[in-house]
C-alpha atoms as a PDB file:
ATOM      1  CA  UNK A   1      47.526  18.120 -63.748  1.00  0.00           C
ATOM      2  CA  UNK A   2      43.829  17.725 -64.374  1.00  0.00           C
ATOM      3  CA  UNK A   3      41.794  15.984 -61.872  1.00  0.00           C
ATOM      4  CA  UNK A   4      39.337  13.281 -62.778  1.00  0.00           C
ATOM      5  CA  UNK A   5      35.616  14.620 -62.145  1.00  0.00           C
ATOM      6  CA  UNK A   6      34.633  11.039 -61.280  1.00  0.00           C
ATOM      7  CA  UNK A   7      36.182   9.480 -58.285  1.00  0.00           C
ATOM      8  CA  UNK A   8      35.422   6.324 -56.519  1.00  0.00           C
ATOM      9  CA  UNK A   9      33.873   6.814 -53.160  1.00  0.00           C
ATOM     10  CA  UNK A  10      36.065   6.076 -50.089  1.00  0.00           C
ATOM     11  CA  UNK A  11      35.015   2.640 -48.756  1.00  0.00           C
ATOM     12  CA  UNK A  12      33.812   2.717 -45.198  1.00  0.00           C
ATOM     13  CA  UNK A  13      36.182   1.318 -42.562  1.00  0.00           C
ATOM     14  CA  UNK A  14      34.952  -2.261 -41.451  1.00  0.00           C
ATOM     15  CA  UNK A  15      33.257  -2.074 -38.110  1.00  0.00           C
ATOM     16  CA  UNK A  16      35.185  -3.630 -35.414  1.00  0.00           C
ATOM     17  CA  UNK A  17      32.161  -4.340 -33.072  1.00  0.00           C
ATOM     18  CA  UNK A  18      31.205  -8.003 -32.902  1.00  0.00           C
ATOM     19  CA  UNK A  19      27.851  -8.838 -34.451  1.00  0.00           C
ATOM     20  CA  UNK A  20      25.092  -9.327 -31.905  1.00  0.00           C
ATOM     21  CA  UNK A  21      23.408 -12.575 -32.257  1.00  0.00           C
ATOM     22  CA  UNK A  22      20.121 -13.143 -30.287  1.00  0.00           C
ATOM     23  CA  UNK A  23      20.236 -16.588 -29.224  1.00  0.00           C
ATOM     24  CA  UNK A  24      18.348 -18.604 -26.627  1.00  0.00           C
ATOM     25  CA  UNK A  25      20.367 -20.026 -23.848  1.00  0.00           C
ATOM     26  CA  UNK A  26      19.279 -22.517 -21.183  1.00  0.00           C
ATOM     27  CA  UNK A  27      19.449 -19.753 -18.555  1.00  0.00           C
ATOM     28  CA  UNK A  28      17.169 -17.423 -20.410  1.00  0.00           C
ATOM     29  CA  UNK A  29      14.575 -20.407 -21.066  1.00  0.00           C
ATOM     30  CA  UNK A  30      14.475 -21.358 -17.417  1.00  0.00           C
ATOM     31  CA  UNK A  31      14.057 -17.715 -16.295  1.00  0.00           C
ATOM     32  CA  UNK A  32      11.284 -16.940 -18.720  1.00  0.00           C
ATOM     33  CA  UNK A  33       9.437 -20.159 -17.891  1.00  0.00           C
ATOM     34  CA  UNK A  34       9.742 -19.392 -14.217  1.00  0.00           C
ATOM     35  CA  UNK A  35       8.339 -15.932 -14.718  1.00  0.00           C
ATOM     36  CA  UNK A  36       5.518 -17.295 -16.711  1.00  0.00           C
ATOM     37  CA  UNK A  37       4.625 -19.879 -13.928  1.00  0.00           C
ATOM     38  CA  UNK A  38       4.783 -17.147 -11.354  1.00  0.00           C
ATOM     39  CA  UNK A  39       2.667 -14.857 -13.460  1.00  0.00           C
ATOM     40  CA  UNK A  40       0.107 -17.736 -13.941  1.00  0.00           C
ATOM     41  CA  UNK A  41      -0.207 -18.212 -10.134  1.00  0.00           C
ATOM     42  CA  UNK A  42      -1.117 -14.560  -9.823  1.00  0.00           C
ATOM     43  CA  UNK A  43      -3.429 -14.415 -12.853  1.00  0.00           C
ATOM     44  CA  UNK A  44      -5.468 -17.466 -12.431  1.00  0.00           C
ATOM     45  CA  UNK A  45      -6.895 -16.534  -9.029  1.00  0.00           C
ATOM     46  CA  UNK A  46      -7.919 -13.035 -10.443  1.00  0.00           C
ATOM     47  CA  UNK A  47      -9.570 -14.735 -13.518  1.00  0.00           C
ATOM     48  CA  UNK A  48     -11.531 -17.116 -11.073  1.00  0.00           C
ATOM     49  CA  UNK A  49     -12.510 -14.102  -8.967  1.00  0.00           C
ATOM     50  CA  UNK A  50     -14.000 -12.237 -11.918  1.00  0.00           C
ATOM     51  CA  UNK A  51     -15.628 -15.264 -13.472  1.00  0.00           C
ATOM     52  CA  UNK A  52     -17.119 -16.724 -10.160  1.00  0.00           C
ATOM     53  CA  UNK A  53     -18.598 -13.155  -9.180  1.00  0.00           C
ATOM     54  CA  UNK A  54     -21.023 -13.377 -12.204  1.00  0.00           C
ATOM     55  CA  UNK A  55     -21.559 -17.136 -12.292  1.00  0.00           C
ATOM     56  CA  UNK A  56     -24.761 -18.599 -10.982  1.00  0.00           C
ATOM     57  CA  UNK A  57     -23.228 -21.984 -10.181  1.00  0.00           C
ATOM     58  CA  UNK A  58     -19.788 -20.778  -8.965  1.00  0.00           C
ATOM     59  CA  UNK A  59     -17.411 -23.229  -7.444  1.00  0.00           C
ATOM     60  CA  UNK A  60     -13.786 -23.450  -6.528  1.00  0.00           C
ATOM     61  CA  UNK A  61     -13.025 -24.469 -10.193  1.00  0.00           C
ATOM     62  CA  UNK A  62     -12.157 -21.890 -12.967  1.00  0.00           C
ATOM     63  CA  UNK A  63     -14.911 -22.334 -15.677  1.00  0.00           C
ATOM     64  CA  UNK A  64     -16.973 -20.362 -18.075  1.00  0.00           C
ATOM     65  CA  UNK A  65     -19.575 -18.531 -15.966  1.00  0.00           C
ATOM     66  CA  UNK A  66     -23.356 -18.815 -16.351  1.00  0.00           C
ATOM     67  CA  UNK A  67     -23.973 -15.040 -16.135  1.00  0.00           C
ATOM     68  CA  UNK A  68     -25.969 -13.516 -13.339  1.00  0.00           C
ATOM     69  CA  UNK A  69     -25.773 -10.524 -11.120  1.00  0.00           C
ATOM     70  CA  UNK A  70     -27.407 -12.167  -8.106  1.00  0.00           C
ATOM     71  CA  UNK A  71     -24.036 -12.648  -6.355  1.00  0.00           C
ATOM     72  CA  UNK A  72     -23.520  -8.810  -6.346  1.00  0.00           C
ATOM     73  CA  UNK A  73     -27.065  -8.370  -5.048  1.00  0.00           C
ATOM     74  CA  UNK A  74     -26.108 -10.763  -2.054  1.00  0.00           C
ATOM     75  CA  UNK A  75     -22.914  -8.722  -1.568  1.00  0.00           C
ATOM     76  CA  UNK A  76     -24.681  -5.520  -1.466  1.00  0.00           C
ATOM     77  CA  UNK A  77     -27.200  -6.592   1.209  1.00  0.00           C
ATOM     78  CA  UNK A  78     -27.404  -3.995   4.152  1.00  0.00           C
ATOM     79  CA  UNK A  79     -25.438  -6.030   6.590  1.00  0.00           C
ATOM     80  CA  UNK A  80     -22.596  -6.329   4.131  1.00  0.00           C
ATOM     81  CA  UNK A  81     -22.647  -2.667   2.957  1.00  0.00           C
ATOM     82  CA  UNK A  82     -22.471  -1.808   6.650  1.00  0.00           C
ATOM     83  CA  UNK A  83     -19.440  -3.835   7.047  1.00  0.00           C
ATOM     84  CA  UNK A  84     -17.788  -2.090   4.140  1.00  0.00           C
ATOM     85  CA  UNK A  85     -18.674   1.165   5.823  1.00  0.00           C
ATOM     86  CA  UNK A  86     -17.111  -0.092   9.118  1.00  0.00           C
ATOM     87  CA  UNK A  87     -13.944  -0.930   7.209  1.00  0.00           C
ATOM     88  CA  UNK A  88     -13.703   2.349   5.730  1.00  0.00           C
ATOM     89  CA  UNK A  89     -14.133   4.042   9.167  1.00  0.00           C
ATOM     90  CA  UNK A  90     -11.687   1.682  10.715  1.00  0.00           C
ATOM     91  CA  UNK A  91      -9.031   2.259   8.087  1.00  0.00           C
ATOM     92  CA  UNK A  92      -9.478   6.049   7.848  1.00  0.00           C
ATOM     93  CA  UNK A  93      -8.995   6.500  11.581  1.00  0.00           C
ATOM     94  CA  UNK A  94      -6.056   4.287  11.618  1.00  0.00           C
ATOM     95  CA  UNK A  95      -4.466   6.027   8.611  1.00  0.00           C
ATOM     96  CA  UNK A  96      -5.057   9.461  10.045  1.00  0.00           C
ATOM     97  CA  UNK A  97      -3.621   8.527  13.450  1.00  0.00           C
ATOM     98  CA  UNK A  98      -0.501   6.662  12.009  1.00  0.00           C
ATOM     99  CA  UNK A  99       0.282   9.223   9.412  1.00  0.00           C
ATOM    100  CA  UNK A 100       0.055  12.376  11.513  1.00  0.00           C
ATOM    101  CA  UNK A 101       2.044  10.713  14.413  1.00  0.00           C
ATOM    102  CA  UNK A 102       4.565   9.303  11.956  1.00  0.00           C
ATOM    103  CA  UNK A 103       5.154  12.712  10.294  1.00  0.00           C
ATOM    104  CA  UNK A 104       5.821  14.374  13.738  1.00  0.00           C
ATOM    105  CA  UNK A 105       8.157  11.747  14.742  1.00  0.00           C
ATOM    106  CA  UNK A 106      10.019  11.429  11.394  1.00  0.00           C
ATOM    107  CA  UNK A 107      10.632  15.286  11.246  1.00  0.00           C
ATOM    108  CA  UNK A 108      12.069  15.147  14.837  1.00  0.00           C
ATOM    109  CA  UNK A 109      14.270  12.217  13.846  1.00  0.00           C
ATOM    110  CA  UNK A 110      15.372  13.884  10.730  1.00  0.00           C
ATOM    111  CA  UNK A 111      15.932  17.590  11.995  1.00  0.00           C
ATOM    112  CA  UNK A 112      16.413  17.437  15.733  1.00  0.00           C
ATOM    113  CA  UNK A 113      19.483  16.342  17.804  1.00  0.00           C
ATOM    114  CA  UNK A 114      18.103  13.282  19.780  1.00  0.00           C
ATOM    115  CA  UNK A 115      20.344  11.216  22.108  1.00  0.00           C
ATOM    116  CA  UNK A 116      20.872   7.582  21.026  1.00  0.00           C
ATOM    117  CA  UNK A 117      19.010   8.429  17.717  1.00  0.00           C
ATOM    118  CA  UNK A 118      20.739   5.429  15.927  1.00  0.00           C
ATOM    119  CA  UNK A 119      19.652   2.718  18.402  1.00  0.00           C
ATOM    120  CA  UNK A 120      16.279   4.177  18.585  1.00  0.00           C
ATOM    121  CA  UNK A 121      15.816   4.072  14.751  1.00  0.00           C
ATOM    122  CA  UNK A 122      17.038   0.447  14.790  1.00  0.00           C
ATOM    123  CA  UNK A 123      14.606  -0.490  17.555  1.00  0.00           C
ATOM    124  CA  UNK A 124      11.807   1.167  15.378  1.00  0.00           C
ATOM    125  CA  UNK A 125      12.942  -0.807  12.477  1.00  0.00           C
ATOM    126  CA  UNK A 126      12.874  -3.950  14.444  1.00  0.00           C
ATOM    127  CA  UNK A 127       9.378  -3.206  15.760  1.00  0.00           C
ATOM    128  CA  UNK A 128       8.168  -2.819  12.091  1.00  0.00           C
ATOM    129  CA  UNK A 129       8.791  -6.700  11.727  1.00  0.00           C
ATOM    130  CA  UNK A 130       7.166  -7.733  14.818  1.00  0.00           C
ATOM    131  CA  UNK A 131       3.590  -9.247  14.055  1.00  0.00           C
ATOM    132  CA  UNK A 132       0.924  -7.828  16.275  1.00  0.00           C
ATOM    133  CA  UNK A 133      -0.757 -11.147  16.416  1.00  0.00           C
ATOM    134  CA  UNK A 134       1.808 -12.457  19.042  1.00  0.00           C
ATOM    135  CA  UNK A 135       0.478  -9.739  21.416  1.00  0.00           C
ATOM    136  CA  UNK A 136      -3.151 -10.309  20.780  1.00  0.00           C
ATOM    137  CA  UNK A 137      -3.867 -12.057  24.065  1.00  0.00           C
ATOM    138  CA  UNK A 138      -2.574  -9.442  26.396  1.00  0.00           C
ATOM    139  CA  UNK A 139      -4.075  -6.709  24.342  1.00  0.00           C
ATOM    140  CA  UNK A 140      -7.405  -8.378  24.488  1.00  0.00           C
ATOM    141  CA  UNK A 141      -7.188  -8.664  28.354  1.00  0.00           C
ATOM    142  CA  UNK A 142      -6.269  -4.966  28.631  1.00  0.00           C
ATOM    143  CA  UNK A 143      -9.036  -3.873  26.306  1.00  0.00           C
ATOM    144  CA  UNK A 144     -11.524  -5.943  28.112  1.00  0.00           C
ATOM    145  CA  UNK A 145     -10.336  -4.529  31.466  1.00  0.00           C
ATOM    146  CA  UNK A 146     -11.017  -0.949  30.332  1.00  0.00           C
ATOM    147  CA  UNK A 147     -14.006  -1.663  28.185  1.00  0.00           C
ATOM    148  CA  UNK A 148     -12.430  -0.829  24.794  1.00  0.00           C
ATOM    149  CA  UNK A 149     -13.876  -3.631  22.702  1.00  0.00           C
ATOM    150  CA  UNK A 150     -15.192  -1.389  20.128  1.00  0.00           C
ATOM    151  CA  UNK A 151     -14.291   0.008  16.685  1.00  0.00           C
ATOM    152  CA  UNK A 152     -12.632   3.285  17.722  1.00  0.00           C
ATOM    153  CA  UNK A 153      -9.922   1.888  20.151  1.00  0.00           C
ATOM    154  CA  UNK A 154      -9.300  -0.898  17.594  1.00  0.00           C
ATOM    155  CA  UNK A 155      -8.772   1.518  14.730  1.00  0.00           C
ATOM    156  CA  UNK A 156      -6.235   3.512  16.921  1.00  0.00           C
ATOM    157  CA  UNK A 157      -4.309   0.294  17.759  1.00  0.00           C
ATOM    158  CA  UNK A 158      -4.206  -0.588  13.995  1.00  0.00           C
ATOM    159  CA  UNK A 159      -2.691   2.776  13.431  1.00  0.00           C
ATOM    160  CA  UNK A 160      -0.212   2.364  15.992  1.00  0.00           C
ATOM    161  CA  UNK A 161       0.890  -1.125  14.367  1.00  0.00           C
ATOM    162  CA  UNK A 162       1.714   0.888  11.135  1.00  0.00           C
ATOM    163  CA  UNK A 163       3.816   3.599  12.985  1.00  0.00           C
ATOM    164  CA  UNK A 164       7.395   2.086  12.641  1.00  0.00           C
ATOM    165  CA  UNK A 165       7.332   1.547   8.958  1.00  0.00           C
ATOM    166  CA  UNK A 166       5.596   4.747   8.189  1.00  0.00           C
ATOM    167  CA  UNK A 167       8.310   6.687  10.305  1.00  0.00           C
ATOM    168  CA  UNK A 168      10.953   5.268   8.191  1.00  0.00           C
ATOM    169  CA  UNK A 169       9.102   6.138   4.879  1.00  0.00           C
ATOM    170  CA  UNK A 170       8.466   9.769   5.928  1.00  0.00           C
ATOM    171  CA  UNK A 171      11.894  10.269   7.403  1.00  0.00           C
ATOM    172  CA  UNK A 172      13.601   9.310   4.123  1.00  0.00           C
ATOM    173  CA  UNK A 173      11.427  11.783   2.344  1.00  0.00           C
ATOM    174  CA  UNK A 174      12.241  14.553   4.809  1.00  0.00           C
ATOM    175  CA  UNK A 175      16.010  13.680   4.669  1.00  0.00           C
ATOM    176  CA  UNK A 176      16.031  14.588   0.873  1.00  0.00           C
ATOM    177  CA  UNK A 177      14.840  18.164   1.464  1.00  0.00           C
ATOM    178  CA  UNK A 178      17.700  20.598   1.627  1.00  0.00           C
ATOM    179  CA  UNK A 179      18.015  22.126   5.053  1.00  0.00           C
ATOM    180  CA  UNK A 180      18.766  25.542   3.381  1.00  0.00           C
ATOM    181  CA  UNK A 181      14.952  25.933   2.593  1.00  0.00           C
ATOM    182  CA  UNK A 182      14.012  25.737   6.162  1.00  0.00           C
ATOM    183  CA  UNK A 183      16.819  28.027   7.243  1.00  0.00           C
ATOM    184  CA  UNK A 184      15.864  30.590   4.633  1.00  0.00           C
ATOM    185  CA  UNK A 185      12.257  30.578   6.009  1.00  0.00           C
ATOM    186  CA  UNK A 186      13.444  30.888   9.521  1.00  0.00           C
ATOM    187  CA  UNK A 187      15.492  33.991   8.483  1.00  0.00           C
ATOM    188  CA  UNK A 188      12.141  35.422   7.088  1.00  0.00           C
ATOM    189  CA  UNK A 189      10.690  35.012  10.631  1.00  0.00           C
ATOM    190  CA  UNK A 190       8.560  31.974   9.615  1.00  0.00           C
ATOM    191  CA  UNK A 191       7.193  29.913  12.454  1.00  0.00           C
ATOM    192  CA  UNK A 192       7.871  26.111  12.656  1.00  0.00           C
ATOM    193  CA  UNK A 193       4.226  25.348  11.834  1.00  0.00           C
ATOM    194  CA  UNK A 194       4.303  27.683   8.788  1.00  0.00           C
ATOM    195  CA  UNK A 195       7.601  25.877   7.795  1.00  0.00           C
ATOM    196  CA  UNK A 196       5.883  22.526   8.034  1.00  0.00           C
ATOM    197  CA  UNK A 197       2.868  23.775   6.229  1.00  0.00           C
ATOM    198  CA  UNK A 198       4.466  25.684   3.315  1.00  0.00           C
ATOM    199  CA  UNK A 199       7.704  23.790   2.707  1.00  0.00           C
ATOM    200  CA  UNK A 200       8.107  20.472   4.463  1.00  0.00           C
ATOM    201  CA  UNK A 201       4.740  18.922   3.871  1.00  0.00           C
ATOM    202  CA  UNK A 202       4.399  19.839   0.052  1.00  0.00           C
ATOM    203  CA  UNK A 203       7.931  18.522  -0.709  1.00  0.00           C
ATOM    204  CA  UNK A 204       7.312  15.340   1.372  1.00  0.00           C
ATOM    205  CA  UNK A 205       3.949  14.641  -0.071  1.00  0.00           C
ATOM    206  CA  UNK A 206       4.971  11.576  -2.178  1.00  0.00           C
ATOM    207  CA  UNK A 207       6.426   9.993   1.062  1.00  0.00           C
ATOM    208  CA  UNK A 208       3.403  10.906   3.066  1.00  0.00           C
ATOM    209  CA  UNK A 209       1.151   9.353   0.435  1.00  0.00           C
ATOM    210  CA  UNK A 210       3.183   6.143   0.474  1.00  0.00           C
ATOM    211  CA  UNK A 211       2.911   6.039   4.137  1.00  0.00           C
ATOM    212  CA  UNK A 212      -0.836   6.661   4.040  1.00  0.00           C
ATOM    213  CA  UNK A 213      -1.511   4.018   1.651  1.00  0.00           C
ATOM    214  CA  UNK A 214       0.586   1.529   3.660  1.00  0.00           C
ATOM    215  CA  UNK A 215      -1.383   2.498   6.819  1.00  0.00           C
ATOM    216  CA  UNK A 216      -4.665   2.270   5.026  1.00  0.00           C
ATOM    217  CA  UNK A 217      -3.984  -1.106   3.457  1.00  0.00           C
ATOM    218  CA  UNK A 218      -2.568  -2.494   6.804  1.00  0.00           C
ATOM    219  CA  UNK A 219      -5.898  -1.752   8.409  1.00  0.00           C
ATOM    220  CA  UNK A 220      -8.110  -2.467   5.473  1.00  0.00           C
ATOM    221  CA  UNK A 221      -6.999  -5.996   5.180  1.00  0.00           C
ATOM    222  CA  UNK A 222      -6.510  -6.840   8.858  1.00  0.00           C
ATOM    223  CA  UNK A 223      -8.694  -9.778  10.081  1.00  0.00           C
ATOM    224  CA  UNK A 224      -7.591 -11.084  13.389  1.00  0.00           C
ATOM    225  CA  UNK A 225      -7.466  -7.747  15.345  1.00  0.00           C
ATOM    226  CA  UNK A 226     -11.005  -6.817  14.488  1.00  0.00           C
ATOM    227  CA  UNK A 227     -12.257 -10.333  15.016  1.00  0.00           C
ATOM    228  CA  UNK A 228     -10.947 -10.364  18.585  1.00  0.00           C
ATOM    229  CA  UNK A 229     -11.240  -6.804  19.779  1.00  0.00           C
ATOM    230  CA  UNK A 230     -14.657  -5.780  18.045  1.00  0.00           C
ATOM    231  CA  UNK A 231     -17.526  -7.687  19.955  1.00  0.00           C
ATOM    232  CA  UNK A 232     -20.574  -5.953  18.570  1.00  0.00           C
ATOM    233  CA  UNK A 233     -21.699  -7.504  15.265  1.00  0.00           C
ATOM    234  CA  UNK A 234     -22.926  -4.175  13.865  1.00  0.00           C
ATOM    235  CA  UNK A 235     -19.237  -2.804  14.097  1.00  0.00           C
ATOM    236  CA  UNK A 236     -17.540  -5.725  12.463  1.00  0.00           C
ATOM    237  CA  UNK A 237     -15.548  -4.819   9.321  1.00  0.00           C
ATOM    238  CA  UNK A 238     -15.752  -6.593   5.871  1.00  0.00           C
ATOM    239  CA  UNK A 239     -13.117  -9.349   6.342  1.00  0.00           C
ATOM    240  CA  UNK A 240     -15.161 -10.589   9.474  1.00  0.00           C
ATOM    241  CA  UNK A 241     -18.530 -10.249   7.874  1.00  0.00           C
ATOM    242  CA  UNK A 242     -17.318 -12.234   4.871  1.00  0.00           C
ATOM    243  CA  UNK A 243     -17.788 -15.301   6.950  1.00  0.00           C
ATOM    244  CA  UNK A 244     -21.620 -14.906   6.483  1.00  0.00           C
ATOM    245  CA  UNK A 245     -21.269 -16.461   3.054  1.00  0.00           C
ATOM    246  CA  UNK A 246     -19.599 -19.541   4.595  1.00  0.00           C
ATOM    247  CA  UNK A 247     -21.131 -22.186   6.823  1.00  0.00           C
ATOM    248  CA  UNK A 248     -20.472 -25.771   7.778  1.00  0.00           C
ATOM    249  CA  UNK A 249     -22.652 -27.172   4.868  1.00  0.00           C
ATOM    250  CA  UNK A 250     -21.612 -25.069   1.961  1.00  0.00           C
ATOM    251  CA  UNK A 251     -19.753 -21.934   0.665  1.00  0.00           C
ATOM    252  CA  UNK A 252     -21.355 -19.529  -1.580  1.00  0.00           C
ATOM    253  CA  UNK A 253     -18.380 -19.029  -3.818  1.00  0.00           C
ATOM    254  CA  UNK A 254     -20.031 -16.470  -6.110  1.00  0.00           C
ATOM    255  CA  UNK A 255     -21.074 -14.222  -3.220  1.00  0.00           C
ATOM    256  CA  UNK A 256     -17.572 -14.426  -1.759  1.00  0.00           C
ATOM    257  CA  UNK A 257     -16.066 -13.510  -5.110  1.00  0.00           C
ATOM    258  CA  UNK A 258     -18.603 -10.523  -5.583  1.00  0.00           C
ATOM    259  CA  UNK A 259     -17.911  -9.198  -2.107  1.00  0.00           C
ATOM    260  CA  UNK A 260     -14.099  -9.552  -2.547  1.00  0.00           C
ATOM    261  CA  UNK A 261     -14.133  -7.461  -5.643  1.00  0.00           C
ATOM    262  CA  UNK A 262     -16.398  -4.717  -3.881  1.00  0.00           C
ATOM    263  CA  UNK A 263     -14.123  -5.028  -0.954  1.00  0.00           C
ATOM    264  CA  UNK A 264     -10.938  -4.308  -3.126  1.00  0.00           C
ATOM    265  CA  UNK A 265     -12.366  -1.127  -4.840  1.00  0.00           C
ATOM    266  CA  UNK A 266     -11.474   1.416  -2.042  1.00  0.00           C
ATOM    267  CA  UNK A 267      -7.895   0.482  -2.152  1.00  0.00           C
ATOM    268  CA  UNK A 268      -7.723   0.828  -5.914  1.00  0.00           C
ATOM    269  CA  UNK A 269      -9.550   4.167  -5.804  1.00  0.00           C
ATOM    270  CA  UNK A 270      -7.154   5.436  -3.078  1.00  0.00           C
ATOM    271  CA  UNK A 271      -4.215   4.438  -5.224  1.00  0.00           C
ATOM    272  CA  UNK A 272      -5.638   6.127  -8.319  1.00  0.00           C
ATOM    273  CA  UNK A 273      -6.387   9.380  -6.204  1.00  0.00           C
ATOM    274  CA  UNK A 274      -2.818   9.461  -4.873  1.00  0.00           C
ATOM    275  CA  UNK A 275      -1.039   8.392  -8.010  1.00  0.00           C
ATOM    276  CA  UNK A 276      -0.408  12.125  -8.891  1.00  0.00           C
ATOM    277  CA  UNK A 277       1.641  12.413  -5.649  1.00  0.00           C
ATOM    278  CA  UNK A 278       3.788   9.337  -6.711  1.00  0.00           C
ATOM    279  CA  UNK A 279       4.287  10.683 -10.227  1.00  0.00           C
ATOM    280  CA  UNK A 280       5.324  14.194  -8.887  1.00  0.00           C
ATOM    281  CA  UNK A 281       8.384  12.700  -6.891  1.00  0.00           C
ATOM    282  CA  UNK A 282      10.853  14.611  -5.137  1.00  0.00           C
ATOM    283  CA  UNK A 283      11.331  17.623  -7.431  1.00  0.00           C
ATOM    284  CA  UNK A 284      13.795  19.597  -5.512  1.00  0.00           C
ATOM    285  CA  UNK A 285      16.041  20.898  -8.262  1.00  0.00           C
ATOM    286  CA  UNK A 286      16.288  24.502  -8.308  1.00  0.00           C
ATOM    287  CA  UNK A 287      14.412  24.964  -5.087  1.00  0.00           C
ATOM    288  CA  UNK A 288      17.197  26.509  -3.294  1.00  0.00           C
ATOM    289  CA  UNK A 289      17.714  29.116  -5.756  1.00  0.00           C
END
């Protein structure tokens, strides 16, 4: 029987999936409005900061600036640049002390058998939530007795305050490393320091970078401890010296805004320099092979 050269196409089966209709519900409206309000609370102070820093008649109000660079000239006076340098020295010392000590402690907690390890870790976690400001009076008395009211002991103390949280950050990074890597290196007669330098530290660099940034920011933004424990005016860091723009008569809002922007730059630069370590992540796949 001859076949017909022309055949009707087979009609497609009707889709059983329900049509998706985008509609606004009351919950979506409330959530989006809430997010917009929260975003505005974060955005408006930043807009004021940049506008006031170049405004010759800056006030606490957000307005169009009358452009000037005089505020930055005030913020870059020798006393204030010295305060920024003091903040940098203070934060770097605190970061080095905290990160090195936290790495050693985290490696011990991760790889060594320590009696009562669980309760000790819980105690460390508890200490990470205790504000150091509640201990400022006895610390001040102790520092006064031994003559430590200067920038170096204060930096070490700030590093110690960041230890509990840094230990947890780095320990979690070390826990993600397969133990087979270290065992293989031990079979090849590698020393513990070589294992740390060649295997552990490179693979835990994202965690170390996170801990270092936390320690740096913890010391960089601290106000109360340097104010109480550093008595020499030449060693005062940026947050304390910022009070030079404020007096009982008036506040130089433009200079405060300009100094605040300059004061935030090291933290931004530090994050940009270490962003590669964050992007690298914990790439451990295939390492055992």
